[in-house]
């Protein structure tokens, strides 16, 4: 999107693709597995080489996502807390190990995949998909001195004041309730059960 006037068209187009992709995935999964679809979709695959390949691809995806997300995070910490380009290798290494340790701690505090996905989805997905687009659109129009059409105003109002808070708070409550239930059933974090 090079022209800011294409913003509404881009939002409608991207949301239509996302809704279609999620809808097809949910319908196909429910058709083949019913209510037994696991939160971690590859767990529903039959044992064999296909499942091994899918899990290796998921592991690769997680590794790449970790690197993609942590390089900018590392650079931000480096600029803010260290001396920028002149950072000694030892400090850079300690910062990288610190970020890695925080990631390890988080994954062990929330060892249940579906709970982690639910918390991340409620915490990040809801604002990114439902809260920020109407806010950015409104801000861009205000900056240009233009008014929003009635339809866009209604849609932005519904997204920002109803869907965003509902999905954020309902998602967080549900995710943490599930996490607490899993901790009660399987033991608290860092507990080894036989």
N, C-alpha and C. Protein backbone atom coordinates (compact mmCIF):
# COMPACT_ATOMS: atom_id res chain seq x y z
N UNK A 1 0.85 -1.17 0.00
CA UNK A 1 0.00 0.00 0.00
C UNK A 1 0.90 1.23 0.00
N UNK A 2 1.05 1.85 -1.13
CA UNK A 2 1.88 3.06 -1.23
C UNK A 2 1.06 4.31 -1.01
N UNK A 3 -0.19 4.29 -1.43
CA UNK A 3 -1.05 5.45 -1.31
C UNK A 3 -1.91 5.30 -0.05
N UNK A 4 -1.83 6.26 0.89
CA UNK A 4 -2.62 6.16 2.13
C UNK A 4 -4.13 6.08 1.89
N UNK A 5 -4.59 6.56 0.73
CA UNK A 5 -6.03 6.49 0.45
C UNK A 5 -6.49 5.06 0.21
N UNK A 6 -5.55 4.15 -0.01
CA UNK A 6 -5.90 2.74 -0.21
C UNK A 6 -6.03 1.99 1.11
N UNK A 7 -5.85 2.69 2.24
CA UNK A 7 -5.90 2.04 3.56
C UNK A 7 -7.20 1.27 3.79
N UNK A 8 -8.38 1.88 3.58
CA UNK A 8 -9.62 1.11 3.84
C UNK A 8 -9.69 -0.15 2.98
N UNK A 9 -9.32 -0.03 1.72
CA UNK A 9 -9.36 -1.19 0.82
C UNK A 9 -8.39 -2.27 1.31
N UNK A 10 -7.21 -1.85 1.78
CA UNK A 10 -6.23 -2.81 2.30
C UNK A 10 -6.76 -3.52 3.53
N UNK A 11 -7.39 -2.77 4.43
CA UNK A 11 -7.93 -3.37 5.66
C UNK A 11 -9.04 -4.36 5.32
N UNK A 12 -9.97 -3.95 4.46
CA UNK A 12 -11.07 -4.85 4.09
C UNK A 12 -10.53 -6.11 3.42
N UNK A 13 -9.55 -5.93 2.54
CA UNK A 13 -8.98 -7.06 1.82
C UNK A 13 -8.25 -8.02 2.77
N UNK A 14 -7.39 -7.48 3.63
CA UNK A 14 -6.62 -8.34 4.55
C UNK A 14 -7.52 -9.05 5.55
N UNK A 15 -8.52 -8.33 6.08
CA UNK A 15 -9.43 -8.98 7.04
C UNK A 15 -10.28 -10.05 6.37
N UNK A 16 -10.64 -9.83 5.11
CA UNK A 16 -11.40 -10.85 4.39
C UNK A 16 -10.56 -12.11 4.20
N UNK A 17 -9.29 -11.95 3.85
CA UNK A 17 -8.40 -13.10 3.69
C UNK A 17 -8.22 -13.82 5.02
N UNK A 18 -7.97 -13.06 6.11
CA UNK A 18 -7.78 -13.70 7.43
C UNK A 18 -9.03 -14.44 7.87
N UNK A 19 -10.20 -13.81 7.72
CA UNK A 19 -11.44 -14.47 8.13
C UNK A 19 -11.68 -15.74 7.32
N UNK A 20 -11.40 -15.68 6.02
CA UNK A 20 -11.57 -16.86 5.17
C UNK A 20 -10.60 -17.97 5.58
N UNK A 21 -9.32 -17.62 5.78
CA UNK A 21 -8.33 -18.64 6.15
C UNK A 21 -8.67 -19.28 7.49
N UNK A 22 -9.00 -18.47 8.49
CA UNK A 22 -9.35 -19.03 9.80
C UNK A 22 -10.63 -19.83 9.72
N UNK A 23 -11.61 -19.34 8.95
CA UNK A 23 -12.87 -20.06 8.82
C UNK A 23 -12.70 -21.41 8.16
N UNK A 24 -11.95 -21.45 7.06
CA UNK A 24 -11.71 -22.72 6.36
C UNK A 24 -10.97 -23.70 7.27
N UNK A 25 -9.94 -23.20 7.98
CA UNK A 25 -9.18 -24.07 8.90
C UNK A 25 -10.09 -24.65 9.97
N UNK A 26 -10.93 -23.80 10.56
CA UNK A 26 -11.83 -24.27 11.62
C UNK A 26 -12.86 -25.26 11.09
N UNK A 27 -13.43 -24.98 9.93
CA UNK A 27 -14.45 -25.86 9.37
C UNK A 27 -13.86 -27.21 8.99
N UNK A 28 -12.71 -27.20 8.32
CA UNK A 28 -12.08 -28.46 7.92
C UNK A 28 -11.66 -29.26 9.16
N UNK A 29 -11.06 -28.59 10.14
CA UNK A 29 -10.67 -29.27 11.37
C UNK A 29 -11.86 -29.87 12.10
N UNK A 30 -12.94 -29.10 12.19
CA UNK A 30 -14.13 -29.60 12.88
C UNK A 30 -14.78 -30.74 12.09
N UNK A 31 -14.76 -30.65 10.77
CA UNK A 31 -15.34 -31.70 9.95
C UNK A 31 -14.63 -33.04 10.16
N UNK A 32 -13.29 -33.01 10.20
CA UNK A 32 -12.54 -34.25 10.33
C UNK A 32 -12.36 -34.73 11.76
N UNK A 33 -12.32 -33.82 12.73
CA UNK A 33 -12.02 -34.22 14.11
C UNK A 33 -13.15 -33.90 15.09
N UNK A 34 -14.13 -33.12 14.70
CA UNK A 34 -15.21 -32.76 15.62
C UNK A 34 -14.68 -31.92 16.77
N UNK A 35 -15.18 -32.20 17.95
CA UNK A 35 -14.75 -31.45 19.14
C UNK A 35 -13.38 -31.90 19.64
N UNK A 36 -12.81 -32.93 19.03
CA UNK A 36 -11.53 -33.47 19.49
C UNK A 36 -10.32 -32.82 18.83
N UNK A 37 -10.51 -31.70 18.14
CA UNK A 37 -9.37 -31.01 17.52
C UNK A 37 -8.48 -30.48 18.63
N UNK A 38 -7.20 -30.90 18.65
CA UNK A 38 -6.31 -30.40 19.71
C UNK A 38 -5.92 -28.94 19.46
N UNK A 39 -5.59 -28.23 20.55
CA UNK A 39 -5.15 -26.83 20.41
C UNK A 39 -3.88 -26.75 19.59
N UNK A 40 -2.99 -27.70 19.78
CA UNK A 40 -1.78 -27.79 18.97
C UNK A 40 -2.11 -28.69 17.80
N UNK A 41 -2.46 -28.11 16.66
CA UNK A 41 -2.99 -28.86 15.52
C UNK A 41 -2.14 -30.05 15.09
N UNK A 42 -0.80 -29.96 15.05
CA UNK A 42 -0.02 -31.15 14.65
C UNK A 42 -0.21 -32.35 15.57
N UNK A 43 -0.67 -32.14 16.81
CA UNK A 43 -0.91 -33.27 17.71
C UNK A 43 -2.05 -34.15 17.20
N UNK A 44 -2.90 -33.62 16.33
CA UNK A 44 -4.01 -34.40 15.80
C UNK A 44 -3.63 -35.25 14.60
N UNK A 45 -2.41 -35.11 14.11
CA UNK A 45 -1.98 -35.92 12.96
C UNK A 45 -1.66 -37.34 13.40
N UNK A 46 -1.87 -38.31 12.51
CA UNK A 46 -1.51 -39.70 12.86
C UNK A 46 0.02 -39.85 12.94
N UNK A 47 0.47 -40.77 13.79
CA UNK A 47 1.91 -40.99 13.94
C UNK A 47 2.49 -41.47 12.62
N UNK A 48 3.70 -41.00 12.37
CA UNK A 48 4.37 -41.40 11.13
C UNK A 48 5.30 -40.30 10.66
N UNK A 49 5.89 -40.49 9.49
CA UNK A 49 6.85 -39.50 8.99
C UNK A 49 6.22 -38.13 8.72
N UNK A 50 4.96 -38.10 8.34
CA UNK A 50 4.30 -36.82 8.10
C UNK A 50 4.23 -35.97 9.35
N UNK A 51 3.91 -36.61 10.47
CA UNK A 51 3.83 -35.88 11.74
C UNK A 51 5.21 -35.39 12.16
N UNK A 52 6.23 -36.21 11.92
CA UNK A 52 7.61 -35.80 12.26
C UNK A 52 8.01 -34.58 11.44
N UNK A 53 7.70 -34.60 10.15
CA UNK A 53 8.05 -33.48 9.28
C UNK A 53 7.32 -32.21 9.69
N UNK A 54 6.03 -32.34 9.98
CA UNK A 54 5.25 -31.18 10.40
C UNK A 54 5.82 -30.59 11.70
N UNK A 55 6.15 -31.44 12.66
CA UNK A 55 6.71 -30.94 13.92
C UNK A 55 8.08 -30.31 13.73
N UNK A 56 8.89 -30.87 12.81
CA UNK A 56 10.19 -30.24 12.51
C UNK A 56 9.98 -28.87 11.87
N UNK A 57 8.99 -28.77 10.99
CA UNK A 57 8.70 -27.47 10.38
C UNK A 57 8.18 -26.47 11.42
N UNK A 58 7.38 -26.93 12.38
CA UNK A 58 6.93 -26.04 13.45
C UNK A 58 8.12 -25.58 14.30
N UNK A 59 9.03 -26.50 14.62
CA UNK A 59 10.23 -26.13 15.38
C UNK A 59 11.06 -25.11 14.61
N UNK A 60 11.21 -25.32 13.31
CA UNK A 60 11.94 -24.37 12.48
C UNK A 60 11.24 -23.01 12.48
N UNK A 61 9.91 -23.02 12.37
CA UNK A 61 9.12 -21.79 12.40
C UNK A 61 9.34 -21.04 13.72
N UNK A 62 9.31 -21.75 14.83
CA UNK A 62 9.51 -21.12 16.13
C UNK A 62 10.91 -20.52 16.23
N UNK A 63 11.91 -21.26 15.75
CA UNK A 63 13.29 -20.76 15.78
C UNK A 63 13.43 -19.50 14.94
N UNK A 64 12.88 -19.49 13.74
CA UNK A 64 12.96 -18.32 12.87
C UNK A 64 12.20 -17.15 13.50
N UNK A 65 11.02 -17.42 14.05
CA UNK A 65 10.25 -16.35 14.69
C UNK A 65 11.00 -15.78 15.88
N UNK A 66 11.68 -16.64 16.65
CA UNK A 66 12.46 -16.17 17.79
C UNK A 66 13.56 -15.23 17.32
N UNK A 67 14.27 -15.61 16.28
CA UNK A 67 15.35 -14.77 15.76
C UNK A 67 14.80 -13.46 15.21
N UNK A 68 13.72 -13.53 14.41
CA UNK A 68 13.14 -12.33 13.81
C UNK A 68 12.65 -11.36 14.89
N UNK A 69 12.04 -11.88 15.94
CA UNK A 69 11.52 -11.01 17.00
C UNK A 69 12.62 -10.50 17.92
N UNK A 70 13.64 -11.29 18.15
CA UNK A 70 14.63 -10.89 19.14
C UNK A 70 15.77 -10.05 18.61
N UNK A 71 16.00 -10.05 17.31
CA UNK A 71 17.03 -9.16 16.78
C UNK A 71 16.65 -7.69 17.01
N UNK A 72 15.42 -7.26 16.63
CA UNK A 72 15.07 -5.86 16.93
C UNK A 72 14.99 -5.58 18.43
N UNK A 73 14.51 -6.56 19.21
CA UNK A 73 14.46 -6.39 20.66
C UNK A 73 15.86 -6.19 21.23
N UNK A 74 16.78 -6.99 20.75
CA UNK A 74 18.18 -6.89 21.18
C UNK A 74 18.76 -5.53 20.81
N UNK A 75 18.50 -5.08 19.60
CA UNK A 75 19.01 -3.78 19.16
C UNK A 75 18.42 -2.64 19.99
N UNK A 76 17.14 -2.75 20.32
CA UNK A 76 16.50 -1.72 21.15
C UNK A 76 17.14 -1.68 22.54
N UNK A 77 17.31 -2.85 23.16
CA UNK A 77 17.97 -2.90 24.48
C UNK A 77 19.40 -2.37 24.40
N UNK A 78 20.07 -2.74 23.33
CA UNK A 78 21.46 -2.33 23.16
C UNK A 78 21.55 -0.80 23.06
N UNK A 79 20.69 -0.20 22.25
CA UNK A 79 20.71 1.26 22.11
C UNK A 79 20.31 1.97 23.40
N UNK A 80 19.35 1.39 24.08
CA UNK A 80 18.82 2.06 25.26
C UNK A 80 19.72 1.91 26.49
N UNK A 81 20.27 0.71 26.70
CA UNK A 81 20.99 0.45 27.94
C UNK A 81 22.50 0.32 27.80
N UNK A 82 22.98 0.09 26.59
CA UNK A 82 24.42 -0.06 26.39
C UNK A 82 24.93 1.08 25.52
N UNK A 83 26.16 0.98 25.08
CA UNK A 83 26.77 2.09 24.36
C UNK A 83 26.61 2.00 22.85
N UNK A 84 25.57 1.37 22.36
CA UNK A 84 25.31 1.32 20.93
C UNK A 84 26.32 0.50 20.16
N UNK A 85 26.93 1.09 19.13
CA UNK A 85 27.85 0.37 18.25
C UNK A 85 29.13 -0.04 18.97
N UNK A 86 29.48 0.65 20.03
CA UNK A 86 30.73 0.38 20.73
C UNK A 86 30.59 -0.69 21.82
N UNK A 87 29.49 -1.41 21.85
CA UNK A 87 29.25 -2.41 22.88
C UNK A 87 30.27 -3.54 22.79
N UNK A 88 30.95 -3.81 23.90
CA UNK A 88 31.88 -4.95 23.89
C UNK A 88 31.13 -6.26 23.66
N UNK A 89 31.81 -7.22 23.07
CA UNK A 89 31.20 -8.51 22.76
C UNK A 89 30.67 -9.19 24.01
N UNK A 90 31.35 -9.05 25.13
CA UNK A 90 30.90 -9.69 26.38
C UNK A 90 29.55 -9.14 26.83
N UNK A 91 29.33 -7.82 26.72
CA UNK A 91 28.04 -7.25 27.11
C UNK A 91 26.95 -7.68 26.13
N UNK A 92 27.29 -7.70 24.86
CA UNK A 92 26.34 -8.15 23.84
C UNK A 92 25.92 -9.61 24.13
N UNK A 93 26.89 -10.44 24.46
CA UNK A 93 26.62 -11.85 24.77
C UNK A 93 25.73 -11.97 26.01
N UNK A 94 26.03 -11.20 27.06
CA UNK A 94 25.23 -11.25 28.29
C UNK A 94 23.79 -10.79 28.03
N UNK A 95 23.63 -9.78 27.20
CA UNK A 95 22.29 -9.32 26.86
C UNK A 95 21.52 -10.39 26.09
N UNK A 96 22.18 -11.03 25.13
CA UNK A 96 21.53 -12.10 24.36
C UNK A 96 21.15 -13.27 25.26
N UNK A 97 22.04 -13.65 26.17
CA UNK A 97 21.75 -14.74 27.10
C UNK A 97 20.60 -14.35 28.03
N UNK A 98 20.56 -13.08 28.44
CA UNK A 98 19.46 -12.61 29.30
C UNK A 98 18.11 -12.72 28.61
N UNK A 99 18.06 -12.33 27.35
CA UNK A 99 16.81 -12.43 26.59
C UNK A 99 16.43 -13.90 26.41
N UNK A 100 17.39 -14.74 26.11
CA UNK A 100 17.14 -16.17 25.96
C UNK A 100 16.64 -16.77 27.28
N UNK A 101 17.23 -16.37 28.40
CA UNK A 101 16.80 -16.86 29.71
C UNK A 101 15.36 -16.42 30.00
N UNK A 102 15.00 -15.17 29.66
CA UNK A 102 13.63 -14.69 29.87
C UNK A 102 12.64 -15.50 29.02
N UNK A 103 13.02 -15.83 27.79
CA UNK A 103 12.15 -16.66 26.94
C UNK A 103 11.99 -18.05 27.54
N UNK A 104 13.10 -18.63 28.04
CA UNK A 104 13.02 -19.95 28.67
C UNK A 104 12.13 -19.90 29.90
N UNK A 105 12.28 -18.85 30.72
CA UNK A 105 11.47 -18.71 31.93
C UNK A 105 9.98 -18.61 31.58
N UNK A 106 9.67 -17.81 30.57
CA UNK A 106 8.27 -17.65 30.16
C UNK A 106 7.68 -18.96 29.67
N UNK A 107 8.44 -19.69 28.85
CA UNK A 107 7.90 -20.96 28.35
C UNK A 107 7.76 -22.01 29.43
N UNK A 108 8.50 -21.89 30.51
CA UNK A 108 8.35 -22.83 31.61
C UNK A 108 7.30 -22.39 32.61
N UNK A 109 7.02 -21.10 32.68
CA UNK A 109 5.93 -20.63 33.52
C UNK A 109 4.58 -20.99 32.89
N UNK A 110 4.53 -21.01 31.57
CA UNK A 110 3.32 -21.35 30.84
C UNK A 110 3.65 -22.54 29.93
N UNK A 111 3.75 -23.75 30.52
CA UNK A 111 4.21 -24.89 29.73
C UNK A 111 3.13 -25.52 28.85
N UNK A 112 1.93 -25.02 28.89
CA UNK A 112 0.84 -25.62 28.14
C UNK A 112 0.63 -24.81 26.86
N UNK A 113 0.82 -25.44 25.72
CA UNK A 113 0.82 -24.75 24.44
C UNK A 113 -0.46 -23.96 24.22
N UNK A 114 -1.60 -24.58 24.46
CA UNK A 114 -2.86 -23.90 24.19
C UNK A 114 -3.04 -22.67 25.07
N UNK A 115 -2.54 -22.73 26.31
CA UNK A 115 -2.63 -21.56 27.19
C UNK A 115 -1.72 -20.44 26.71
N UNK A 116 -0.51 -20.79 26.28
CA UNK A 116 0.42 -19.79 25.76
C UNK A 116 -0.17 -19.11 24.53
N UNK A 117 -0.73 -19.89 23.61
CA UNK A 117 -1.33 -19.33 22.41
C UNK A 117 -2.51 -18.44 22.78
N UNK A 118 -3.32 -18.87 23.74
CA UNK A 118 -4.48 -18.07 24.15
C UNK A 118 -4.05 -16.74 24.77
N UNK A 119 -3.04 -16.78 25.62
CA UNK A 119 -2.57 -15.55 26.26
C UNK A 119 -1.98 -14.61 25.22
N UNK A 120 -1.14 -15.12 24.34
CA UNK A 120 -0.55 -14.27 23.30
C UNK A 120 -1.64 -13.73 22.37
N UNK A 121 -2.60 -14.58 22.02
CA UNK A 121 -3.68 -14.15 21.15
C UNK A 121 -4.51 -13.04 21.76
N UNK A 122 -4.86 -13.17 23.04
CA UNK A 122 -5.66 -12.14 23.70
C UNK A 122 -4.85 -10.87 23.92
N UNK A 123 -3.60 -11.04 24.32
CA UNK A 123 -2.75 -9.90 24.64
C UNK A 123 -2.32 -9.13 23.40
N UNK A 124 -1.99 -9.83 22.32
CA UNK A 124 -1.45 -9.18 21.12
C UNK A 124 -2.43 -9.18 19.95
N UNK A 125 -3.08 -10.31 19.71
CA UNK A 125 -3.93 -10.43 18.54
C UNK A 125 -5.10 -9.47 18.54
N UNK A 126 -5.75 -9.36 19.67
CA UNK A 126 -6.91 -8.49 19.76
C UNK A 126 -6.56 -7.02 19.49
N UNK A 127 -5.54 -6.46 20.13
CA UNK A 127 -5.19 -5.07 19.81
C UNK A 127 -4.71 -4.90 18.37
N UNK A 128 -3.91 -5.84 17.88
CA UNK A 128 -3.34 -5.69 16.53
C UNK A 128 -4.43 -5.79 15.46
N UNK A 129 -5.38 -6.71 15.63
CA UNK A 129 -6.39 -6.90 14.59
C UNK A 129 -7.62 -6.03 14.76
N UNK A 130 -7.98 -5.70 15.99
CA UNK A 130 -9.24 -4.99 16.22
C UNK A 130 -9.08 -3.60 16.81
N UNK A 131 -8.01 -3.35 17.54
CA UNK A 131 -7.84 -2.06 18.20
C UNK A 131 -7.03 -1.05 17.42
N UNK A 132 -5.89 -1.46 16.93
CA UNK A 132 -4.99 -0.51 16.26
C UNK A 132 -5.45 -0.06 14.88
N UNK A 133 -5.99 -0.94 14.02
CA UNK A 133 -6.40 -0.44 12.69
C UNK A 133 -7.39 0.72 12.72
N UNK A 134 -8.47 0.67 13.53
CA UNK A 134 -9.35 1.84 13.55
C UNK A 134 -8.66 3.08 14.12
N UNK A 135 -7.80 2.88 15.10
CA UNK A 135 -7.08 4.00 15.69
C UNK A 135 -6.14 4.64 14.68
N UNK A 136 -5.39 3.83 13.94
CA UNK A 136 -4.48 4.35 12.92
C UNK A 136 -5.26 5.05 11.80
N UNK A 137 -6.35 4.44 11.40
CA UNK A 137 -7.17 5.02 10.32
C UNK A 137 -7.70 6.38 10.75
N UNK A 138 -8.26 6.46 11.94
CA UNK A 138 -8.78 7.73 12.46
C UNK A 138 -7.67 8.77 12.56
N UNK A 139 -6.51 8.37 13.08
CA UNK A 139 -5.38 9.30 13.22
C UNK A 139 -4.89 9.80 11.87
N UNK A 140 -4.83 8.91 10.87
CA UNK A 140 -4.37 9.30 9.54
C UNK A 140 -5.33 10.30 8.91
N UNK A 141 -6.64 10.05 9.05
CA UNK A 141 -7.62 10.98 8.49
C UNK A 141 -7.57 12.32 9.20
N UNK A 142 -7.43 12.29 10.52
CA UNK A 142 -7.37 13.53 11.30
C UNK A 142 -6.14 14.35 10.91
N UNK A 143 -5.03 13.67 10.72
CA UNK A 143 -3.79 14.35 10.34
C UNK A 143 -3.93 15.04 8.98
N UNK A 144 -4.69 14.42 8.07
CA UNK A 144 -4.90 15.00 6.75
C UNK A 144 -6.06 15.99 6.71
N UNK A 145 -6.77 16.12 7.85
CA UNK A 145 -7.90 17.05 7.91
C UNK A 145 -9.13 16.57 7.18
N UNK A 146 -9.26 15.26 7.04
CA UNK A 146 -10.41 14.69 6.34
C UNK A 146 -11.37 14.06 7.34
N UNK A 147 -12.62 13.96 6.94
CA UNK A 147 -13.62 13.34 7.81
C UNK A 147 -13.84 11.90 7.38
N UNK A 148 -14.28 11.12 8.34
CA UNK A 148 -14.53 9.70 8.11
C UNK A 148 -15.95 9.52 7.61
N UNK A 149 -16.14 8.60 6.68
CA UNK A 149 -17.50 8.32 6.20
C UNK A 149 -18.31 7.68 7.32
N UNK A 150 -19.63 7.76 7.22
CA UNK A 150 -20.50 7.22 8.27
C UNK A 150 -20.27 5.72 8.46
N UNK A 151 -20.17 4.97 7.35
CA UNK A 151 -19.94 3.52 7.44
C UNK A 151 -18.62 3.22 8.15
N UNK A 152 -17.54 3.92 7.74
CA UNK A 152 -16.25 3.71 8.38
C UNK A 152 -16.29 4.08 9.86
N UNK A 153 -17.01 5.15 10.19
CA UNK A 153 -17.12 5.57 11.58
C UNK A 153 -17.83 4.50 12.42
N UNK A 154 -18.89 3.94 11.89
CA UNK A 154 -19.63 2.89 12.60
C UNK A 154 -18.76 1.65 12.78
N UNK A 155 -18.08 1.26 11.70
CA UNK A 155 -17.21 0.07 11.78
C UNK A 155 -16.06 0.28 12.77
N UNK A 156 -15.42 1.44 12.71
CA UNK A 156 -14.32 1.73 13.64
C UNK A 156 -14.83 1.76 15.08
N UNK A 157 -16.00 2.34 15.29
CA UNK A 157 -16.60 2.41 16.63
C UNK A 157 -16.86 1.00 17.17
N UNK A 158 -17.46 0.14 16.34
CA UNK A 158 -17.74 -1.24 16.75
C UNK A 158 -16.45 -1.99 17.06
N UNK A 159 -15.46 -1.86 16.14
CA UNK A 159 -14.19 -2.56 16.35
C UNK A 159 -13.49 -2.09 17.61
N UNK A 160 -13.35 -0.78 17.77
CA UNK A 160 -12.52 -0.24 18.84
C UNK A 160 -13.20 -0.28 20.21
N UNK A 161 -14.50 0.00 20.27
CA UNK A 161 -15.16 0.11 21.56
C UNK A 161 -15.93 -1.14 22.00
N UNK A 162 -16.16 -2.09 21.09
CA UNK A 162 -16.89 -3.30 21.47
C UNK A 162 -16.06 -4.57 21.25
N UNK A 163 -15.69 -4.83 20.00
CA UNK A 163 -14.99 -6.09 19.72
C UNK A 163 -13.60 -6.16 20.35
N UNK A 164 -12.84 -5.09 20.24
CA UNK A 164 -11.49 -5.09 20.82
C UNK A 164 -11.52 -5.32 22.34
N UNK A 165 -12.28 -4.52 23.14
CA UNK A 165 -12.26 -4.79 24.59
C UNK A 165 -12.85 -6.15 24.95
N UNK A 166 -13.92 -6.56 24.24
CA UNK A 166 -14.53 -7.85 24.57
C UNK A 166 -13.56 -8.99 24.33
N UNK A 167 -12.95 -9.03 23.14
CA UNK A 167 -12.04 -10.14 22.85
C UNK A 167 -10.78 -10.08 23.72
N UNK A 168 -10.33 -8.88 24.04
CA UNK A 168 -9.15 -8.74 24.89
C UNK A 168 -9.42 -9.28 26.29
N UNK A 169 -10.46 -8.76 26.96
CA UNK A 169 -10.71 -9.16 28.34
C UNK A 169 -11.28 -10.58 28.45
N UNK A 170 -12.21 -10.94 27.57
CA UNK A 170 -12.75 -12.30 27.60
C UNK A 170 -11.65 -13.31 27.30
N UNK A 171 -10.79 -12.99 26.34
CA UNK A 171 -9.68 -13.88 25.99
C UNK A 171 -8.68 -14.03 27.13
N UNK A 172 -8.33 -12.93 27.77
CA UNK A 172 -7.37 -12.99 28.88
C UNK A 172 -7.95 -13.77 30.06
N UNK A 173 -9.20 -13.50 30.41
CA UNK A 173 -9.83 -14.21 31.53
C UNK A 173 -9.89 -15.70 31.23
N UNK A 174 -10.33 -16.05 30.03
CA UNK A 174 -10.42 -17.46 29.65
C UNK A 174 -9.04 -18.12 29.64
N UNK A 175 -8.03 -17.43 29.10
CA UNK A 175 -6.69 -18.01 29.01
C UNK A 175 -6.10 -18.24 30.40
N UNK A 176 -6.21 -17.27 31.29
CA UNK A 176 -5.64 -17.44 32.62
C UNK A 176 -6.43 -18.44 33.46
N UNK A 177 -7.74 -18.52 33.23
CA UNK A 177 -8.54 -19.54 33.92
C UNK A 177 -8.08 -20.93 33.49
N UNK A 178 -7.87 -21.12 32.19
CA UNK A 178 -7.39 -22.40 31.68
C UNK A 178 -5.99 -22.71 32.21
N UNK A 179 -5.14 -21.71 32.27
CA UNK A 179 -3.78 -21.90 32.79
C UNK A 179 -3.82 -22.35 34.25
N UNK A 180 -4.65 -21.70 35.05
CA UNK A 180 -4.76 -22.08 36.47
C UNK A 180 -5.31 -23.50 36.61
N UNK A 181 -6.28 -23.87 35.77
CA UNK A 181 -6.82 -25.24 35.82
C UNK A 181 -5.74 -26.26 35.44
N UNK A 182 -4.93 -25.94 34.43
CA UNK A 182 -3.84 -26.84 34.04
C UNK A 182 -2.78 -26.95 35.14
N UNK A 183 -2.49 -25.84 35.81
CA UNK A 183 -1.53 -25.89 36.92
C UNK A 183 -2.07 -26.76 38.05
N UNK A 184 -3.38 -26.63 38.34
CA UNK A 184 -3.97 -27.45 39.42
C UNK A 184 -3.96 -28.93 39.05
N UNK A 185 -4.21 -29.23 37.80
CA UNK A 185 -4.27 -30.62 37.36
C UNK A 185 -2.88 -31.22 37.20
N UNK A 186 -1.92 -30.47 36.68
CA UNK A 186 -0.61 -31.01 36.35
C UNK A 186 0.51 -30.53 37.27
N UNK A 187 0.20 -29.69 38.21
CA UNK A 187 1.23 -29.15 39.09
C UNK A 187 1.69 -27.78 38.64
N UNK A 188 2.26 -27.00 39.56
CA UNK A 188 2.71 -25.65 39.22
C UNK A 188 3.95 -25.70 38.32
N UNK A 189 4.37 -24.53 37.82
CA UNK A 189 5.56 -24.49 36.96
C UNK A 189 6.78 -25.10 37.65
N UNK A 190 7.65 -25.67 36.85
CA UNK A 190 8.91 -26.27 37.29
C UNK A 190 8.70 -27.49 38.19
N UNK A 191 7.50 -28.09 38.11
CA UNK A 191 7.22 -29.29 38.88
C UNK A 191 7.32 -30.49 37.95
N UNK A 192 8.07 -31.48 38.36
CA UNK A 192 8.18 -32.71 37.57
C UNK A 192 7.19 -33.70 38.11
N UNK A 193 6.31 -34.20 37.24
CA UNK A 193 5.32 -35.21 37.65
C UNK A 193 5.57 -36.48 36.91
N UNK A 194 5.36 -37.57 37.58
CA UNK A 194 5.57 -38.88 36.96
C UNK A 194 4.30 -39.40 36.36
